[in-house]
Amino acid sequence: MRITSKGQVTIPQEVRRELGLEPGDEVEIVVQDGAAKIVPARGPSGRGRRVVDALLGRGDVDLTTDEIMALTRGD
């Protein structure tokens, strides 16, 4: 397997099949004892997860979730 100039590799079909991976699925690369392991992502990942992680705990509004939802809905 060769790594492209963009750092990409192609996961062989037999590996995708064994892991049950389909086009568009998310995977994680876990490094353990100097080896990389490709595993199906367990939860939200990617750009959305990074945005949520960056914003987590930064809210400064003294409103309850119900009050925020009421504002969102226009109640």
N, C-alpha and C. Protein backbone atom coordinates (compact mmCIF):
# COMPACT_ATOMS: atom_id res chain seq x y z
N MET A 1 0.85 -1.16 0.00
CA MET A 1 0.00 0.00 0.00
C MET A 1 0.90 1.23 0.00
N ARG A 2 0.55 2.20 -0.80
CA ARG A 2 1.35 3.41 -0.93
C ARG A 2 0.57 4.61 -0.42
N ILE A 3 1.24 5.52 0.27
CA ILE A 3 0.63 6.75 0.75
C ILE A 3 0.81 7.82 -0.32
N THR A 4 -0.29 8.51 -0.68
CA THR A 4 -0.21 9.57 -1.69
C THR A 4 0.43 10.82 -1.10
N SER A 5 0.70 11.80 -1.96
CA SER A 5 1.28 13.06 -1.50
C SER A 5 0.34 13.81 -0.55
N LYS A 6 -0.95 13.46 -0.59
CA LYS A 6 -1.93 14.08 0.32
C LYS A 6 -2.10 13.27 1.61
N GLY A 7 -1.30 12.21 1.77
CA GLY A 7 -1.38 11.38 2.98
C GLY A 7 -2.53 10.38 2.94
N GLN A 8 -3.03 10.07 1.76
CA GLN A 8 -4.17 9.17 1.63
C GLN A 8 -3.72 7.75 1.29
N VAL A 9 -4.52 6.80 1.77
CA VAL A 9 -4.33 5.40 1.39
C VAL A 9 -5.70 4.84 1.01
N THR A 10 -5.70 3.80 0.21
CA THR A 10 -6.94 3.12 -0.14
C THR A 10 -7.07 1.89 0.74
N ILE A 11 -8.22 1.79 1.43
CA ILE A 11 -8.46 0.61 2.25
C ILE A 11 -8.90 -0.51 1.31
N PRO A 12 -8.18 -1.63 1.30
CA PRO A 12 -8.52 -2.72 0.38
C PRO A 12 -9.97 -3.19 0.57
N GLN A 13 -10.57 -3.63 -0.53
CA GLN A 13 -11.96 -4.06 -0.54
C GLN A 13 -12.25 -5.15 0.49
N GLU A 14 -11.33 -6.13 0.61
CA GLU A 14 -11.58 -7.21 1.56
C GLU A 14 -11.60 -6.71 3.01
N VAL A 15 -10.80 -5.68 3.31
CA VAL A 15 -10.79 -5.10 4.65
C VAL A 15 -12.09 -4.32 4.88
N ARG A 16 -12.49 -3.52 3.89
CA ARG A 16 -13.76 -2.77 4.01
C ARG A 16 -14.92 -3.73 4.21
N ARG A 17 -14.91 -4.82 3.47
CA ARG A 17 -16.00 -5.80 3.57
C ARG A 17 -16.03 -6.43 4.97
N GLU A 18 -14.85 -6.83 5.46
CA GLU A 18 -14.77 -7.47 6.78
C GLU A 18 -15.22 -6.53 7.89
N LEU A 19 -14.90 -5.24 7.75
CA LEU A 19 -15.30 -4.25 8.76
C LEU A 19 -16.71 -3.72 8.54
N GLY A 20 -17.31 -4.06 7.41
CA GLY A 20 -18.66 -3.58 7.11
C GLY A 20 -18.68 -2.11 6.74
N LEU A 21 -17.59 -1.62 6.16
CA LEU A 21 -17.49 -0.20 5.80
C LEU A 21 -18.08 0.05 4.42
N GLU A 22 -18.84 1.14 4.32
CA GLU A 22 -19.47 1.55 3.08
C GLU A 22 -18.96 2.95 2.72
N PRO A 23 -19.07 3.35 1.45
CA PRO A 23 -18.67 4.72 1.08
C PRO A 23 -19.39 5.75 1.96
N GLY A 24 -18.63 6.70 2.46
CA GLY A 24 -19.19 7.74 3.32
C GLY A 24 -19.09 7.44 4.81
N ASP A 25 -18.77 6.18 5.17
CA ASP A 25 -18.62 5.84 6.59
C ASP A 25 -17.40 6.56 7.17
N GLU A 26 -17.46 6.83 8.45
CA GLU A 26 -16.35 7.46 9.17
C GLU A 26 -15.51 6.36 9.81
N VAL A 27 -14.20 6.55 9.81
CA VAL A 27 -13.28 5.64 10.50
C VAL A 27 -12.36 6.45 11.39
N GLU A 28 -11.77 5.78 12.34
CA GLU A 28 -10.77 6.39 13.21
C GLU A 28 -9.47 5.63 13.07
N ILE A 29 -8.38 6.32 13.22
CA ILE A 29 -7.08 5.66 13.24
C ILE A 29 -6.56 5.74 14.67
N VAL A 30 -6.35 4.58 15.26
CA VAL A 30 -5.90 4.48 16.64
C VAL A 30 -4.45 4.01 16.61
N VAL A 31 -3.58 4.74 17.30
CA VAL A 31 -2.17 4.36 17.36
C VAL A 31 -1.91 3.69 18.70
N GLN A 32 -1.40 2.45 18.62
CA GLN A 32 -1.11 1.67 19.82
C GLN A 32 0.21 0.95 19.63
N ASP A 33 1.09 1.12 20.57
CA ASP A 33 2.38 0.41 20.55
C ASP A 33 3.10 0.56 19.20
N GLY A 34 3.08 1.76 18.63
CA GLY A 34 3.79 2.02 17.39
C GLY A 34 3.11 1.51 16.13
N ALA A 35 1.86 1.02 16.25
CA ALA A 35 1.13 0.53 15.09
C ALA A 35 -0.18 1.31 14.94
N ALA A 36 -0.59 1.53 13.70
CA ALA A 36 -1.86 2.23 13.43
C ALA A 36 -2.94 1.20 13.15
N LYS A 37 -4.10 1.43 13.72
CA LYS A 37 -5.23 0.52 13.56
C LYS A 37 -6.41 1.33 13.03
N ILE A 38 -7.05 0.87 11.95
CA ILE A 38 -8.21 1.55 11.38
C ILE A 38 -9.45 0.86 11.93
N VAL A 39 -10.32 1.65 12.58
CA VAL A 39 -11.54 1.09 13.17
C VAL A 39 -12.73 1.96 12.78
N PRO A 40 -13.92 1.36 12.67
CA PRO A 40 -15.10 2.17 12.40
C PRO A 40 -15.28 3.20 13.52
N ALA A 41 -15.66 4.42 13.18
CA ALA A 41 -15.89 5.45 14.18
C ALA A 41 -17.05 5.05 15.06
N ARG A 42 -16.90 5.24 16.36
CA ARG A 42 -17.93 4.84 17.31
C ARG A 42 -18.99 5.90 17.51
N GLY A 43 -18.62 7.12 17.39
CA GLY A 43 -19.57 8.20 17.63
C GLY A 43 -19.33 9.30 16.63
N PRO A 44 -19.92 10.45 16.89
CA PRO A 44 -19.72 11.56 15.98
C PRO A 44 -18.23 11.90 15.85
N SER A 45 -17.80 12.15 14.66
CA SER A 45 -16.42 12.50 14.42
C SER A 45 -16.35 13.49 13.28
N GLY A 46 -15.17 13.79 12.86
CA GLY A 46 -15.00 14.69 11.74
C GLY A 46 -15.12 16.15 12.15
N ARG A 47 -15.38 16.99 11.17
CA ARG A 47 -15.43 18.44 11.38
C ARG A 47 -16.47 18.83 12.41
N GLY A 48 -17.65 18.23 12.35
CA GLY A 48 -18.71 18.55 13.30
C GLY A 48 -18.30 18.27 14.73
N ARG A 49 -17.65 17.14 14.96
CA ARG A 49 -17.19 16.79 16.29
C ARG A 49 -16.14 17.79 16.78
N ARG A 50 -15.23 18.20 15.89
CA ARG A 50 -14.20 19.17 16.28
C ARG A 50 -14.82 20.51 16.65
N VAL A 51 -15.86 20.93 15.92
CA VAL A 51 -16.53 22.19 16.23
C VAL A 51 -17.19 22.10 17.60
N VAL A 52 -17.91 21.00 17.85
CA VAL A 52 -18.57 20.82 19.15
C VAL A 52 -17.53 20.81 20.26
N ASP A 53 -16.45 20.07 20.09
CA ASP A 53 -15.40 20.00 21.12
C ASP A 53 -14.81 21.38 21.40
N ALA A 54 -14.63 22.19 20.35
CA ALA A 54 -14.05 23.53 20.53
C ALA A 54 -15.00 24.45 21.29
N LEU A 55 -16.31 24.24 21.13
CA LEU A 55 -17.29 25.13 21.77
C LEU A 55 -17.78 24.62 23.12
N LEU A 56 -17.53 23.37 23.44
CA LEU A 56 -18.02 22.77 24.66
C LEU A 56 -17.58 23.56 25.89
N GLY A 57 -18.54 23.94 26.72
CA GLY A 57 -18.25 24.66 27.95
C GLY A 57 -18.03 26.15 27.78
N ARG A 58 -18.26 26.69 26.58
CA ARG A 58 -18.00 28.10 26.34
C ARG A 58 -19.26 28.95 26.40
N GLY A 59 -20.42 28.33 26.60
CA GLY A 59 -21.67 29.08 26.64
C GLY A 59 -21.71 30.00 27.85
N ASP A 60 -22.25 31.20 27.66
CA ASP A 60 -22.32 32.14 28.77
C ASP A 60 -23.71 32.77 28.90
N VAL A 61 -24.72 32.06 28.42
CA VAL A 61 -26.10 32.55 28.49
C VAL A 61 -26.79 31.91 29.67
N ASP A 62 -27.44 32.74 30.50
CA ASP A 62 -28.13 32.21 31.67
C ASP A 62 -29.57 31.84 31.34
N LEU A 63 -29.74 30.97 30.35
CA LEU A 63 -31.06 30.49 29.97
C LEU A 63 -31.07 28.97 30.08
N THR A 64 -32.24 28.43 30.38
CA THR A 64 -32.36 26.97 30.39
C THR A 64 -32.49 26.49 28.95
N THR A 65 -32.33 25.21 28.75
CA THR A 65 -32.50 24.63 27.42
C THR A 65 -33.91 24.91 26.90
N ASP A 66 -34.92 24.77 27.77
CA ASP A 66 -36.30 25.02 27.36
C ASP A 66 -36.49 26.47 26.91
N GLU A 67 -35.87 27.42 27.61
CA GLU A 67 -35.98 28.83 27.22
C GLU A 67 -35.30 29.09 25.88
N ILE A 68 -34.17 28.48 25.66
CA ILE A 68 -33.47 28.64 24.38
C ILE A 68 -34.30 28.04 23.26
N MET A 69 -34.87 26.86 23.47
CA MET A 69 -35.71 26.22 22.45
C MET A 69 -36.95 27.07 22.14
N ALA A 70 -37.53 27.70 23.16
CA ALA A 70 -38.68 28.57 22.95
C ALA A 70 -38.30 29.76 22.08
N LEU A 71 -37.12 30.32 22.32
CA LEU A 71 -36.64 31.44 21.48
C LEU A 71 -36.41 30.98 20.06
N THR A 72 -35.84 29.79 19.91
CA THR A 72 -35.56 29.24 18.58
C THR A 72 -36.84 29.02 17.79
N ARG A 73 -37.87 28.54 18.47
CA ARG A 73 -39.15 28.25 17.83
C ARG A 73 -40.01 29.49 17.66
N GLY A 74 -39.64 30.56 18.32
CA GLY A 74 -40.44 31.78 18.22
C GLY A 74 -41.65 31.75 19.13
N ASP A 75 -41.62 30.92 20.19
CA ASP A 75 -42.75 30.84 21.15
C ASP A 75 -42.86 32.09 22.00
